[in-house]
Structures are given as structure tokens and as C-alpha cells.
Amino acid sequence: MTPLRLFILKERTPKALISVDVALDIIFVVDTLLHFFRPYIDQDTGQVVTNLKKIRSKYAASMAFYMNVLACIPILKTPLAPLLNDETNVALSTNFNILRMIRILHFPEQFEELKSFLSRKVPVNESSFRMGVILFFTQLLMCMFASVYFGLSSTKVDDMCPGPDEFAETVLEEEMWIAMDELIVNTMDPQICNTTESNYMECKDCPQFLFFLRSVYFLMQTLFTIGYGDSVVPSRSVIEVTMACVFMIFGVFGYGLIIANMTSVLSNIDVVRMRFRHEMDNLNRWLSFRAVPESLRQRVEILFSYVY
């Protein structure tokens, strides 16, 4: 949600979302403090260290501690907000939201914890788990890139949602893909929305969700080199053309990573299936050699199929 708040929602952030952010900031501060009491496993000896002095010294000297301190700073915005004017408040909120995104660096560690937790219950397929991690980070980066792209492509416009009288002059005359996106324009343009022949019944003054949805849609076309043509980059917009080129370069590597890992997942599934069939063939031969009754053989096969 942070990229959305920074580049799309801006001053129109719902109060409920701000409350959720404050609650999560408090939880993160508490979690940071609890790390001073959390035992850890010594990598050299493999023993669990419960000595509080060693735990605190190790945590205070780690990079994770400094990352957490920076990520905890946004909690200060709540007591400072009443003391500042609106303009300073917006600038402070923007800077604090950027600091909040440092928490992303904890995701790799969290996925390792998740894999360790799952492996204690069932065997974890490395390829499938890695595929899930790749898809998660792909969605995360898509959200970030789409929000950044929308924000940078609308820098020429001070207010993306002006009044009906100023819409044509403020938005439509600028060189940016948003002004050329038919769905966005038809939803916001009062001249189209107010006509009886219009098919766009849900006309909105500021369709922020539509901004994000169309940004992700345009980004997916660019990253995966699809290019339907219904949403294009203006040729005279240097910022948008440059960013589109960067996204396409990222898309080549991301697309290759997903395909390569998907190949690994499918081949791994095939290897496991072939191994199971080989083991079942050996088991059936042994059951036939021992003249096991047919009903019992069927129950054994069902059991092994269930375990597989």
C-alpha cells in the first residue's frame, strides 16, 4: 500500500488506511523491541543462546537492528502531526512512508522461516516453494513499478483530479499516457459522462483504483512485451519512454526467471512421479510374489497413493 499512498492516493489517502498504518507501526516497534529478548541459534555450535546479555549485544551489532530502527521512525509522525502545518505534514508523511518500505528487506528471512516451519510438517518441494517466492516478489514489484510509473508520468499535472471545468485544460492537454487512456478519460471527462448515450455509467471525479488498475495493466503489457496498443507511451514524453525501456529490460530477466523456474518445477514433478511409479512397480511385484490377497493389495496401493 505504501507505493499507492506515495504516488496515487497522495493527499486523498483514506483515514482508515492511515489508522491501519499507525497500528502496523506500533506492532513493528514492539517486534523490534522483542528482538532484544529472542533467543537465537549459534551458527558455530548449533546451540540455542538464551543469555540475555549475548542476545542483546548480538542484535544491537547486527544490520537488522539498524534497518529496524529506520523502519520504526514513521511512528514519530503521529505525535508530530498536530504541531506541523499541512504542507510540512505531507512532506513528512512522504519521507516517513519511504522509510516504512525498508521492511521489505525482511522478506527473504521471513520466507526462510516459513520454509523451515512448513518442512517440520510436510516435505517442501524446493522448486515449487521458490516459484511461490518469485511470484510474490513479482506481484510486489508490479505494485511498486505501476505506482511509480503513474506518479512520474503525471508530474506535469498538479492535481490529477481537478474540477469538471478544469479537466480538459489540466489533464487532456498534457502529453502523458493517462490523458490518452480511453477508459480513464471516459470515466473522468464530464462531457462524456453526462451524455445519455454514454456506456460509462459509473462516472467518478477521482477513480484512484482505476489509476492503479490501468497502470498495472499497462505495465504488464510492457514487461511481457505484449503491447495490445490500447494504452501507449506518448513519443514526446522523455520520462515515460525512458521508464518503459527500463521496464522492458527488467521484464526480459523476470520473464526468463519465471520460465526457467517453471521448467524446474515441471521436471521435478515428473521425476517424483516416475520415482513413485518405479517404487509401486517393485511393491506390486513383491506382493504378487508373496501371493497377497487382492483386497489387501488394493488397500496397500490406496495407502501408498495417499501418502504420495
C-alpha atoms as a PDB file:
ATOM      1  CA  MET A   1       0.000   0.000   0.000  1.00  0.00           C
ATOM      2  CA  THR A   2       2.912   2.394   0.551  1.00  0.00           C
ATOM      3  CA  PRO A   3       3.699   2.937  -3.164  1.00  0.00           C
ATOM      4  CA  LEU A   4      -0.026   3.554  -3.723  1.00  0.00           C
ATOM      5  CA  ARG A   5      -0.079   6.180  -0.983  1.00  0.00           C
ATOM      6  CA  LEU A   6       3.043   7.908  -2.279  1.00  0.00           C
ATOM      7  CA  PHE A   7       2.194   8.122  -5.972  1.00  0.00           C
ATOM      8  CA  ILE A   8      -1.565   7.649  -6.467  1.00  0.00           C
ATOM      9  CA  LEU A   9      -3.532   8.348  -3.305  1.00  0.00           C
ATOM     10  CA  LYS A  10      -1.285  11.238  -2.129  1.00  0.00           C
ATOM     11  CA  GLU A  11      -3.440  13.785  -0.227  1.00  0.00           C
ATOM     12  CA  ARG A  12      -6.568  11.644  -0.737  1.00  0.00           C
ATOM     13  CA  THR A  13      -5.470   8.751   1.481  1.00  0.00           C
ATOM     14  CA  PRO A  14      -8.465   7.264   3.346  1.00  0.00           C
ATOM     15  CA  LYS A  15      -8.362   7.778   7.113  1.00  0.00           C
ATOM     16  CA  ALA A  16      -8.945   4.073   7.678  1.00  0.00           C
ATOM     17  CA  LEU A  17      -5.734   3.261   5.796  1.00  0.00           C
ATOM     18  CA  ILE A  18      -3.792   5.802   7.872  1.00  0.00           C
ATOM     19  CA  SER A  19      -5.129   4.156  11.049  1.00  0.00           C
ATOM     20  CA  VAL A  20      -4.014   0.740   9.799  1.00  0.00           C
ATOM     21  CA  ASP A  21      -0.541   2.150   9.075  1.00  0.00           C
ATOM     22  CA  VAL A  22      -0.273   3.544  12.600  1.00  0.00           C
ATOM     23  CA  ALA A  23      -1.358   0.195  14.084  1.00  0.00           C
ATOM     24  CA  LEU A  24       1.225  -1.661  11.989  1.00  0.00           C
ATOM     25  CA  ASP A  25       3.911   0.849  13.009  1.00  0.00           C
ATOM     26  CA  ILE A  26       3.175   0.116  16.665  1.00  0.00           C
ATOM     27  CA  ILE A  27       3.325  -3.644  16.058  1.00  0.00           C
ATOM     28  CA  PHE A  28       6.654  -3.259  14.248  1.00  0.00           C
ATOM     29  CA  VAL A  29       8.134  -1.188  17.098  1.00  0.00           C
ATOM     30  CA  VAL A  30       7.028  -3.832  19.622  1.00  0.00           C
ATOM     31  CA  ASP A  31       8.504  -6.580  17.438  1.00  0.00           C
ATOM     32  CA  THR A  32      11.805  -4.669  17.200  1.00  0.00           C
ATOM     33  CA  LEU A  33      11.993  -4.365  20.976  1.00  0.00           C
ATOM     34  CA  LEU A  34      11.138  -8.046  21.489  1.00  0.00           C
ATOM     35  CA  HIS A  35      14.179  -9.000  19.397  1.00  0.00           C
ATOM     36  CA  PHE A  36      16.300  -7.996  22.411  1.00  0.00           C
ATOM     37  CA  PHE A  37      14.790 -10.972  24.255  1.00  0.00           C
ATOM     38  CA  ARG A  38      14.578 -13.506  21.437  1.00  0.00           C
ATOM     39  CA  PRO A  39      16.956 -16.498  21.701  1.00  0.00           C
ATOM     40  CA  TYR A  40      18.987 -17.393  18.630  1.00  0.00           C
ATOM     41  CA  ILE A  41      20.915 -20.414  17.350  1.00  0.00           C
ATOM     42  CA  ASP A  42      24.699 -20.117  17.387  1.00  0.00           C
ATOM     43  CA  GLN A  43      25.897 -20.947  13.867  1.00  0.00           C
ATOM     44  CA  ASP A  44      29.209 -22.408  15.138  1.00  0.00           C
ATOM     45  CA  THR A  45      27.948 -24.662  17.920  1.00  0.00           C
ATOM     46  CA  GLY A  46      24.321 -25.178  16.857  1.00  0.00           C
ATOM     47  CA  GLN A  47      23.229 -24.419  20.429  1.00  0.00           C
ATOM     48  CA  VAL A  48      20.330 -22.144  21.386  1.00  0.00           C
ATOM     49  CA  VAL A  49      21.641 -18.998  23.100  1.00  0.00           C
ATOM     50  CA  THR A  50      19.305 -17.794  25.896  1.00  0.00           C
ATOM     51  CA  ASN A  51      21.705 -15.462  27.710  1.00  0.00           C
ATOM     52  CA  LEU A  52      20.066 -12.016  27.523  1.00  0.00           C
ATOM     53  CA  LYS A  53      23.381 -10.149  27.503  1.00  0.00           C
ATOM     54  CA  LYS A  54      24.641 -12.105  24.482  1.00  0.00           C
ATOM     55  CA  ILE A  55      21.271 -11.783  22.706  1.00  0.00           C
ATOM     56  CA  ARG A  56      21.201  -8.006  23.129  1.00  0.00           C
ATOM     57  CA  SER A  57      24.821  -7.462  22.130  1.00  0.00           C
ATOM     58  CA  LYS A  58      24.436  -9.600  19.018  1.00  0.00           C
ATOM     59  CA  TYR A  59      21.189  -7.937  17.948  1.00  0.00           C
ATOM     60  CA  ALA A  60      22.453  -4.390  18.630  1.00  0.00           C
ATOM     61  CA  ALA A  61      25.521  -5.055  16.436  1.00  0.00           C
ATOM     62  CA  SER A  62      23.535  -6.573  13.553  1.00  0.00           C
ATOM     63  CA  MET A  63      22.434  -4.838  10.349  1.00  0.00           C
ATOM     64  CA  ALA A  64      18.850  -5.937  11.057  1.00  0.00           C
ATOM     65  CA  PHE A  65      18.787  -3.701  14.137  1.00  0.00           C
ATOM     66  CA  TYR A  66      19.742  -0.575  12.165  1.00  0.00           C
ATOM     67  CA  MET A  67      17.198  -1.438   9.446  1.00  0.00           C
ATOM     68  CA  ASN A  68      14.507  -1.844  12.099  1.00  0.00           C
ATOM     69  CA  VAL A  69      15.375   1.470  13.762  1.00  0.00           C
ATOM     70  CA  LEU A  70      14.989   3.298  10.438  1.00  0.00           C
ATOM     71  CA  ALA A  71      11.740   1.444   9.706  1.00  0.00           C
ATOM     72  CA  CYS A  72      10.396   2.397  13.168  1.00  0.00           C
ATOM     73  CA  ILE A  73      10.817   6.158  12.580  1.00  0.00           C
ATOM     74  CA  PRO A  74       7.333   6.544  10.929  1.00  0.00           C
ATOM     75  CA  ILE A  75       5.748   6.062  14.366  1.00  0.00           C
ATOM     76  CA  LEU A  76       7.006   9.578  15.232  1.00  0.00           C
ATOM     77  CA  LYS A  77       4.706  11.090  12.609  1.00  0.00           C
ATOM     78  CA  THR A  78       1.643  10.570  14.832  1.00  0.00           C
ATOM     79  CA  PRO A  79       2.736  12.823  17.748  1.00  0.00           C
ATOM     80  CA  LEU A  80       4.387  15.358  15.392  1.00  0.00           C
ATOM     81  CA  ALA A  81       1.396  15.787  13.034  1.00  0.00           C
ATOM     82  CA  PRO A  82      -0.610  18.254  15.217  1.00  0.00           C
ATOM     83  CA  LEU A  83       2.452  20.509  15.559  1.00  0.00           C
ATOM     84  CA  LEU A  84       3.063  20.988  11.809  1.00  0.00           C
ATOM     85  CA  ASN A  85       1.227  22.798   9.019  1.00  0.00           C
ATOM     86  CA  ASP A  86      -0.440  20.892   6.178  1.00  0.00           C
ATOM     87  CA  GLU A  87       2.380  21.324   3.631  1.00  0.00           C
ATOM     88  CA  THR A  88       5.084  20.191   6.064  1.00  0.00           C
ATOM     89  CA  ASN A  89       2.841  17.347   7.198  1.00  0.00           C
ATOM     90  CA  VAL A  90       2.507  15.991   3.639  1.00  0.00           C
ATOM     91  CA  ALA A  91       6.289  16.193   3.045  1.00  0.00           C
ATOM     92  CA  LEU A  92       6.986  14.490   6.382  1.00  0.00           C
ATOM     93  CA  SER A  93       4.437  11.773   5.650  1.00  0.00           C
ATOM     94  CA  THR A  94       6.045  11.077   2.263  1.00  0.00           C
ATOM     95  CA  ASN A  95       9.534  10.716   3.746  1.00  0.00           C
ATOM     96  CA  PHE A  96       8.288   8.509   6.568  1.00  0.00           C
ATOM     97  CA  ASN A  97       6.418   6.271   4.127  1.00  0.00           C
ATOM     98  CA  ILE A  98       9.647   5.703   2.206  1.00  0.00           C
ATOM     99  CA  LEU A  99      11.342   4.626   5.456  1.00  0.00           C
ATOM    100  CA  ARG A 100       8.481   2.210   6.096  1.00  0.00           C
ATOM    101  CA  MET A 101       9.360   0.366   2.866  1.00  0.00           C
ATOM    102  CA  ILE A 102      12.712  -0.690   4.386  1.00  0.00           C
ATOM    103  CA  ARG A 103      10.754  -3.534   5.985  1.00  0.00           C
ATOM    104  CA  ILE A 104      10.743  -5.257   2.593  1.00  0.00           C
ATOM    105  CA  LEU A 105      14.331  -6.303   3.325  1.00  0.00           C
ATOM    106  CA  HIS A 106      12.981  -8.698   5.962  1.00  0.00           C
ATOM    107  CA  PHE A 107      11.024 -10.726   3.410  1.00  0.00           C
ATOM    108  CA  PRO A 108      13.873 -13.151   2.449  1.00  0.00           C
ATOM    109  CA  GLU A 109      14.381 -14.026   6.122  1.00  0.00           C
ATOM    110  CA  GLN A 110      10.642 -14.457   6.606  1.00  0.00           C
ATOM    111  CA  PHE A 111      10.423 -16.848   3.658  1.00  0.00           C
ATOM    112  CA  GLU A 112      13.251 -18.920   5.136  1.00  0.00           C
ATOM    113  CA  GLU A 113      11.323 -19.048   8.410  1.00  0.00           C
ATOM    114  CA  LEU A 114       8.189 -20.095   6.524  1.00  0.00           C
ATOM    115  CA  LYS A 115      10.034 -22.869   4.676  1.00  0.00           C
ATOM    116  CA  SER A 116      11.532 -24.113   7.935  1.00  0.00           C
ATOM    117  CA  PHE A 117       8.075 -24.100   9.552  1.00  0.00           C
ATOM    118  CA  LEU A 118       6.455 -25.982   6.654  1.00  0.00           C
ATOM    119  CA  SER A 119       9.270 -28.536   6.447  1.00  0.00           C
ATOM    120  CA  ARG A 120       8.524 -29.636  10.019  1.00  0.00           C
ATOM    121  CA  LYS A 121       5.024 -30.691   8.895  1.00  0.00           C
ATOM    122  CA  VAL A 122       5.392 -31.891   5.302  1.00  0.00           C
ATOM    123  CA  PRO A 123       8.276 -32.231   2.823  1.00  0.00           C
ATOM    124  CA  VAL A 124       8.790 -28.915   0.995  1.00  0.00           C
ATOM    125  CA  ASN A 125       9.351 -29.024  -2.746  1.00  0.00           C
ATOM    126  CA  GLU A 126      12.209 -26.559  -3.312  1.00  0.00           C
ATOM    127  CA  SER A 127      11.192 -25.672  -6.873  1.00  0.00           C
ATOM    128  CA  SER A 128       7.536 -25.083  -6.002  1.00  0.00           C
ATOM    129  CA  PHE A 129       8.431 -23.024  -2.950  1.00  0.00           C
ATOM    130  CA  ARG A 130      10.900 -20.956  -4.965  1.00  0.00           C
ATOM    131  CA  MET A 131       8.208 -20.426  -7.608  1.00  0.00           C
ATOM    132  CA  GLY A 132       5.863 -19.082  -4.945  1.00  0.00           C
ATOM    133  CA  VAL A 133       8.557 -16.675  -3.722  1.00  0.00           C
ATOM    134  CA  ILE A 134       9.240 -15.471  -7.282  1.00  0.00           C
ATOM    135  CA  LEU A 135       5.528 -14.867  -7.937  1.00  0.00           C
ATOM    136  CA  PHE A 136       5.185 -12.997  -4.638  1.00  0.00           C
ATOM    137  CA  PHE A 137       8.072 -10.652  -5.421  1.00  0.00           C
ATOM    138  CA  THR A 138       6.786 -10.256  -8.985  1.00  0.00           C
ATOM    139  CA  GLN A 139       3.438  -9.019  -7.656  1.00  0.00           C
ATOM    140  CA  LEU A 140       5.186  -6.769  -5.152  1.00  0.00           C
ATOM    141  CA  LEU A 141       7.412  -5.195  -7.819  1.00  0.00           C
ATOM    142  CA  MET A 142       4.440  -4.839 -10.181  1.00  0.00           C
ATOM    143  CA  CYS A 143       2.617  -2.851  -7.487  1.00  0.00           C
ATOM    144  CA  MET A 144       5.678  -0.667  -6.865  1.00  0.00           C
ATOM    145  CA  PHE A 145       6.557  -0.101 -10.532  1.00  0.00           C
ATOM    146  CA  ALA A 146       2.961   0.664 -11.513  1.00  0.00           C
ATOM    147  CA  SER A 147       2.601   3.233  -8.734  1.00  0.00           C
ATOM    148  CA  VAL A 148       5.958   4.852  -9.500  1.00  0.00           C
ATOM    149  CA  TYR A 149       5.142   4.932 -13.204  1.00  0.00           C
ATOM    150  CA  PHE A 150       1.806   6.635 -12.586  1.00  0.00           C
ATOM    151  CA  GLY A 151       3.400   9.169 -10.227  1.00  0.00           C
ATOM    152  CA  LEU A 152       6.264  10.089 -12.572  1.00  0.00           C
ATOM    153  CA  SER A 153       4.083  10.176 -15.684  1.00  0.00           C
ATOM    154  CA  SER A 154       1.708  12.651 -14.040  1.00  0.00           C
ATOM    155  CA  THR A 155       4.353  15.072 -12.750  1.00  0.00           C
ATOM    156  CA  LYS A 156       3.164  17.697 -15.275  1.00  0.00           C
ATOM    157  CA  VAL A 157      -0.221  17.796 -13.561  1.00  0.00           C
ATOM    158  CA  ASP A 158      -0.509  19.277 -10.063  1.00  0.00           C
ATOM    159  CA  ASP A 159      -3.888  17.652  -9.455  1.00  0.00           C
ATOM    160  CA  MET A 160      -4.877  14.518 -11.359  1.00  0.00           C
ATOM    161  CA  CYS A 161      -8.487  15.016 -10.281  1.00  0.00           C
ATOM    162  CA  PRO A 162      -9.373  18.671 -10.944  1.00  0.00           C
ATOM    163  CA  GLY A 163     -12.881  20.059 -11.087  1.00  0.00           C
ATOM    164  CA  PRO A 164     -15.099  19.312 -14.122  1.00  0.00           C
ATOM    165  CA  ASP A 165     -14.499  22.782 -15.572  1.00  0.00           C
ATOM    166  CA  GLU A 166     -10.698  22.374 -15.431  1.00  0.00           C
ATOM    167  CA  PHE A 167     -10.443  18.739 -16.529  1.00  0.00           C
ATOM    168  CA  ALA A 168      -9.942  19.311 -20.259  1.00  0.00           C
ATOM    169  CA  GLU A 169      -7.386  22.079 -19.798  1.00  0.00           C
ATOM    170  CA  THR A 170      -5.495  20.475 -16.899  1.00  0.00           C
ATOM    171  CA  VAL A 171      -5.374  16.792 -17.895  1.00  0.00           C
ATOM    172  CA  LEU A 172      -6.274  16.294 -21.556  1.00  0.00           C
ATOM    173  CA  GLU A 173      -3.825  18.842 -22.959  1.00  0.00           C
ATOM    174  CA  GLU A 174      -0.775  17.255 -21.294  1.00  0.00           C
ATOM    175  CA  GLU A 175       1.499  14.727 -23.011  1.00  0.00           C
ATOM    176  CA  MET A 176       1.131  11.614 -20.868  1.00  0.00           C
ATOM    177  CA  TRP A 177      -0.328   8.168 -21.342  1.00  0.00           C
ATOM    178  CA  ILE A 178      -3.058   8.766 -18.772  1.00  0.00           C
ATOM    179  CA  ALA A 179      -4.551  11.516 -20.945  1.00  0.00           C
ATOM    180  CA  MET A 180      -4.566   9.049 -23.863  1.00  0.00           C
ATOM    181  CA  ASP A 181      -6.094   6.161 -21.916  1.00  0.00           C
ATOM    182  CA  GLU A 182      -9.662   5.952 -23.167  1.00  0.00           C
ATOM    183  CA  LEU A 183     -11.072   4.192 -20.111  1.00  0.00           C
ATOM    184  CA  ILE A 184      -9.644   6.730 -17.639  1.00  0.00           C
ATOM    185  CA  VAL A 185     -10.652   9.735 -19.741  1.00  0.00           C
ATOM    186  CA  ASN A 186     -14.188   8.457 -20.365  1.00  0.00           C
ATOM    187  CA  THR A 187     -14.643   7.833 -16.642  1.00  0.00           C
ATOM    188  CA  MET A 188     -13.453  11.314 -15.636  1.00  0.00           C
ATOM    189  CA  ASP A 189     -14.442  13.525 -18.576  1.00  0.00           C
ATOM    190  CA  PRO A 190     -17.722  15.286 -17.634  1.00  0.00           C
ATOM    191  CA  GLN A 191     -18.619  15.883 -21.290  1.00  0.00           C
ATOM    192  CA  ILE A 192     -18.712  12.112 -21.913  1.00  0.00           C
ATOM    193  CA  CYS A 193     -20.108  11.032 -18.547  1.00  0.00           C
ATOM    194  CA  ASN A 194     -23.027  13.450 -18.692  1.00  0.00           C
ATOM    195  CA  THR A 195     -24.287  12.282 -22.090  1.00  0.00           C
ATOM    196  CA  THR A 196     -27.220   9.890 -22.145  1.00  0.00           C
ATOM    197  CA  GLU A 197     -25.573   7.739 -24.829  1.00  0.00           C
ATOM    198  CA  SER A 198     -22.535   7.055 -22.638  1.00  0.00           C
ATOM    199  CA  ASN A 199     -21.870   3.444 -21.624  1.00  0.00           C
ATOM    200  CA  TYR A 200     -19.758   4.596 -18.685  1.00  0.00           C
ATOM    201  CA  MET A 201     -22.442   4.705 -16.027  1.00  0.00           C
ATOM    202  CA  GLU A 202     -20.040   4.844 -13.059  1.00  0.00           C
ATOM    203  CA  CYS A 203     -18.510   8.275 -13.656  1.00  0.00           C
ATOM    204  CA  LYS A 204     -16.141   9.279 -10.884  1.00  0.00           C
ATOM    205  CA  ASP A 205     -14.368  12.515 -10.053  1.00  0.00           C
ATOM    206  CA  CYS A 206     -11.207  10.716  -8.942  1.00  0.00           C
ATOM    207  CA  PRO A 207     -11.109   6.966  -9.776  1.00  0.00           C
ATOM    208  CA  GLN A 208      -7.898   6.174  -7.897  1.00  0.00           C
ATOM    209  CA  PHE A 209      -8.412   2.410  -8.080  1.00  0.00           C
ATOM    210  CA  LEU A 210      -8.797   2.730 -11.854  1.00  0.00           C
ATOM    211  CA  PHE A 211      -5.497   4.675 -11.985  1.00  0.00           C
ATOM    212  CA  PHE A 212      -3.736   1.780 -10.286  1.00  0.00           C
ATOM    213  CA  LEU A 213      -5.531  -0.913 -12.284  1.00  0.00           C
ATOM    214  CA  ARG A 214      -4.709   0.705 -15.634  1.00  0.00           C
ATOM    215  CA  SER A 215      -1.110   1.339 -14.543  1.00  0.00           C
ATOM    216  CA  VAL A 216      -0.646  -2.359 -13.704  1.00  0.00           C
ATOM    217  CA  TYR A 217      -2.344  -3.313 -16.980  1.00  0.00           C
ATOM    218  CA  PHE A 218      -0.035  -1.050 -18.992  1.00  0.00           C
ATOM    219  CA  LEU A 219       2.992  -2.278 -17.035  1.00  0.00           C
ATOM    220  CA  MET A 220       2.168  -5.951 -17.708  1.00  0.00           C
ATOM    221  CA  GLN A 221       1.894  -5.233 -21.431  1.00  0.00           C
ATOM    222  CA  THR A 222       5.291  -3.538 -21.316  1.00  0.00           C
ATOM    223  CA  LEU A 223       7.091  -6.064 -19.092  1.00  0.00           C
ATOM    224  CA  PHE A 224       5.910  -9.071 -21.049  1.00  0.00           C
ATOM    225  CA  THR A 225       6.236  -7.281 -24.427  1.00  0.00           C
ATOM    226  CA  ILE A 226       2.566  -7.872 -25.328  1.00  0.00           C
ATOM    227  CA  GLY A 227       1.552  -4.394 -26.444  1.00  0.00           C
ATOM    228  CA  TYR A 228      -2.169  -4.515 -27.261  1.00  0.00           C
ATOM    229  CA  GLY A 229      -1.973  -0.867 -28.308  1.00  0.00           C
ATOM    230  CA  ASP A 230      -4.907   0.389 -26.260  1.00  0.00           C
ATOM    231  CA  SER A 231      -2.536   2.016 -23.772  1.00  0.00           C
ATOM    232  CA  VAL A 232       0.661   3.521 -25.193  1.00  0.00           C
ATOM    233  CA  VAL A 233       3.554   5.794 -24.208  1.00  0.00           C
ATOM    234  CA  PRO A 234       3.496   9.294 -25.754  1.00  0.00           C
ATOM    235  CA  SER A 235       6.512   9.543 -28.067  1.00  0.00           C
ATOM    236  CA  ARG A 236       7.352  13.054 -26.843  1.00  0.00           C
ATOM    237  CA  SER A 237       7.397  12.164 -23.140  1.00  0.00           C
ATOM    238  CA  VAL A 238      11.064  11.523 -22.286  1.00  0.00           C
ATOM    239  CA  ILE A 239      10.322  10.296 -18.742  1.00  0.00           C
ATOM    240  CA  GLU A 240       7.738   7.747 -19.835  1.00  0.00           C
ATOM    241  CA  VAL A 241       9.742   6.451 -22.797  1.00  0.00           C
ATOM    242  CA  THR A 242      12.812   6.017 -20.582  1.00  0.00           C
ATOM    243  CA  MET A 243      10.837   4.211 -17.876  1.00  0.00           C
ATOM    244  CA  ALA A 244       9.135   1.971 -20.441  1.00  0.00           C
ATOM    245  CA  CYS A 245      12.577   0.929 -21.747  1.00  0.00           C
ATOM    246  CA  VAL A 246      13.745   0.186 -18.193  1.00  0.00           C
ATOM    247  CA  PHE A 247      10.624  -1.882 -17.533  1.00  0.00           C
ATOM    248  CA  MET A 248      11.162  -3.889 -20.729  1.00  0.00           C
ATOM    249  CA  ILE A 249      14.750  -4.695 -19.681  1.00  0.00           C
ATOM    250  CA  PHE A 250      13.517  -5.824 -16.258  1.00  0.00           C
ATOM    251  CA  GLY A 251      10.775  -7.793 -17.977  1.00  0.00           C
ATOM    252  CA  VAL A 252      13.254  -9.827 -20.032  1.00  0.00           C
ATOM    253  CA  PHE A 253      15.068 -11.024 -16.899  1.00  0.00           C
ATOM    254  CA  GLY A 254      11.885 -11.513 -14.879  1.00  0.00           C
ATOM    255  CA  TYR A 255      10.171 -13.432 -17.671  1.00  0.00           C
ATOM    256  CA  GLY A 256      13.265 -15.627 -18.111  1.00  0.00           C
ATOM    257  CA  LEU A 257      13.438 -16.297 -14.371  1.00  0.00           C
ATOM    258  CA  ILE A 258       9.787 -17.365 -14.200  1.00  0.00           C
ATOM    259  CA  ILE A 259      10.056 -19.641 -17.253  1.00  0.00           C
ATOM    260  CA  ALA A 260      13.299 -21.233 -16.023  1.00  0.00           C
ATOM    261  CA  ASN A 261      11.848 -21.939 -12.599  1.00  0.00           C
ATOM    262  CA  MET A 262       8.595 -23.250 -14.101  1.00  0.00           C
ATOM    263  CA  THR A 263      10.681 -25.710 -16.132  1.00  0.00           C
ATOM    264  CA  SER A 264      12.383 -26.799 -12.911  1.00  0.00           C
ATOM    265  CA  VAL A 265       9.001 -27.250 -11.181  1.00  0.00           C
ATOM    266  CA  LEU A 266       7.570 -29.392 -14.004  1.00  0.00           C
ATOM    267  CA  SER A 267      10.698 -31.527 -14.345  1.00  0.00           C
ATOM    268  CA  ASN A 268      10.792 -32.018 -10.570  1.00  0.00           C
ATOM    269  CA  ILE A 269       7.158 -33.148 -10.577  1.00  0.00           C
ATOM    270  CA  ASP A 270       7.917 -35.582 -13.401  1.00  0.00           C
ATOM    271  CA  VAL A 271      10.927 -37.021 -11.554  1.00  0.00           C
ATOM    272  CA  VAL A 272       8.896 -37.543  -8.366  1.00  0.00           C
ATOM    273  CA  ARG A 273       6.066 -39.181 -10.326  1.00  0.00           C
ATOM    274  CA  MET A 274       8.450 -41.543 -12.126  1.00  0.00           C
ATOM    275  CA  ARG A 275      10.115 -42.481  -8.841  1.00  0.00           C
ATOM    276  CA  PHE A 276       6.720 -43.237  -7.302  1.00  0.00           C
ATOM    277  CA  ARG A 277       5.731 -45.420 -10.271  1.00  0.00           C
ATOM    278  CA  HIS A 278       9.038 -47.312 -10.042  1.00  0.00           C
ATOM    279  CA  GLU A 279       8.523 -47.932  -6.314  1.00  0.00           C
ATOM    280  CA  MET A 280       4.925 -49.063  -6.893  1.00  0.00           C
ATOM    281  CA  ASP A 281       6.053 -51.482  -9.600  1.00  0.00           C
ATOM    282  CA  ASN A 282       8.569 -53.018  -7.187  1.00  0.00           C
ATOM    283  CA  LEU A 283       5.915 -53.186  -4.483  1.00  0.00           C
ATOM    284  CA  ASN A 284       3.385 -54.865  -6.795  1.00  0.00           C
ATOM    285  CA  ARG A 285       5.958 -57.447  -7.858  1.00  0.00           C
ATOM    286  CA  TRP A 286       6.726 -58.222  -4.222  1.00  0.00           C
ATOM    287  CA  LEU A 287       3.008 -58.504  -3.372  1.00  0.00           C
ATOM    288  CA  SER A 288       2.471 -60.846  -6.328  1.00  0.00           C
ATOM    289  CA  PHE A 289       5.484 -62.933  -5.337  1.00  0.00           C
ATOM    290  CA  ARG A 290       4.109 -63.267  -1.798  1.00  0.00           C
ATOM    291  CA  ALA A 291       0.602 -64.095  -3.145  1.00  0.00           C
ATOM    292  CA  VAL A 292      -1.021 -61.326  -1.102  1.00  0.00           C
ATOM    293  CA  PRO A 293      -4.844 -61.321  -1.425  1.00  0.00           C
ATOM    294  CA  GLU A 294      -6.260 -58.884  -3.988  1.00  0.00           C
ATOM    295  CA  SER A 295      -8.302 -56.901  -1.450  1.00  0.00           C
ATOM    296  CA  LEU A 296      -5.223 -56.316   0.711  1.00  0.00           C
ATOM    297  CA  ARG A 297      -3.148 -55.357  -2.350  1.00  0.00           C
ATOM    298  CA  GLN A 298      -5.722 -52.730  -3.291  1.00  0.00           C
ATOM    299  CA  ARG A 299      -5.679 -51.297   0.229  1.00  0.00           C
ATOM    300  CA  VAL A 300      -1.871 -51.116   0.180  1.00  0.00           C
ATOM    301  CA  GLU A 301      -1.901 -49.333  -3.202  1.00  0.00           C
ATOM    302  CA  ILE A 302      -4.516 -46.856  -1.956  1.00  0.00           C
ATOM    303  CA  LEU A 303      -2.415 -46.175   1.154  1.00  0.00           C
ATOM    304  CA  PHE A 304       0.772 -45.523  -0.833  1.00  0.00           C
ATOM    305  CA  SER A 305      -1.105 -43.374  -3.349  1.00  0.00           C
ATOM    306  CA  TYR A 306      -2.483 -41.310  -0.490  1.00  0.00           C
ATOM    307  CA  VAL A 307       0.992 -40.898   1.034  1.00  0.00           C
ATOM    308  CA  TYR A 308       2.355 -39.890  -2.396  1.00  0.00           C
END
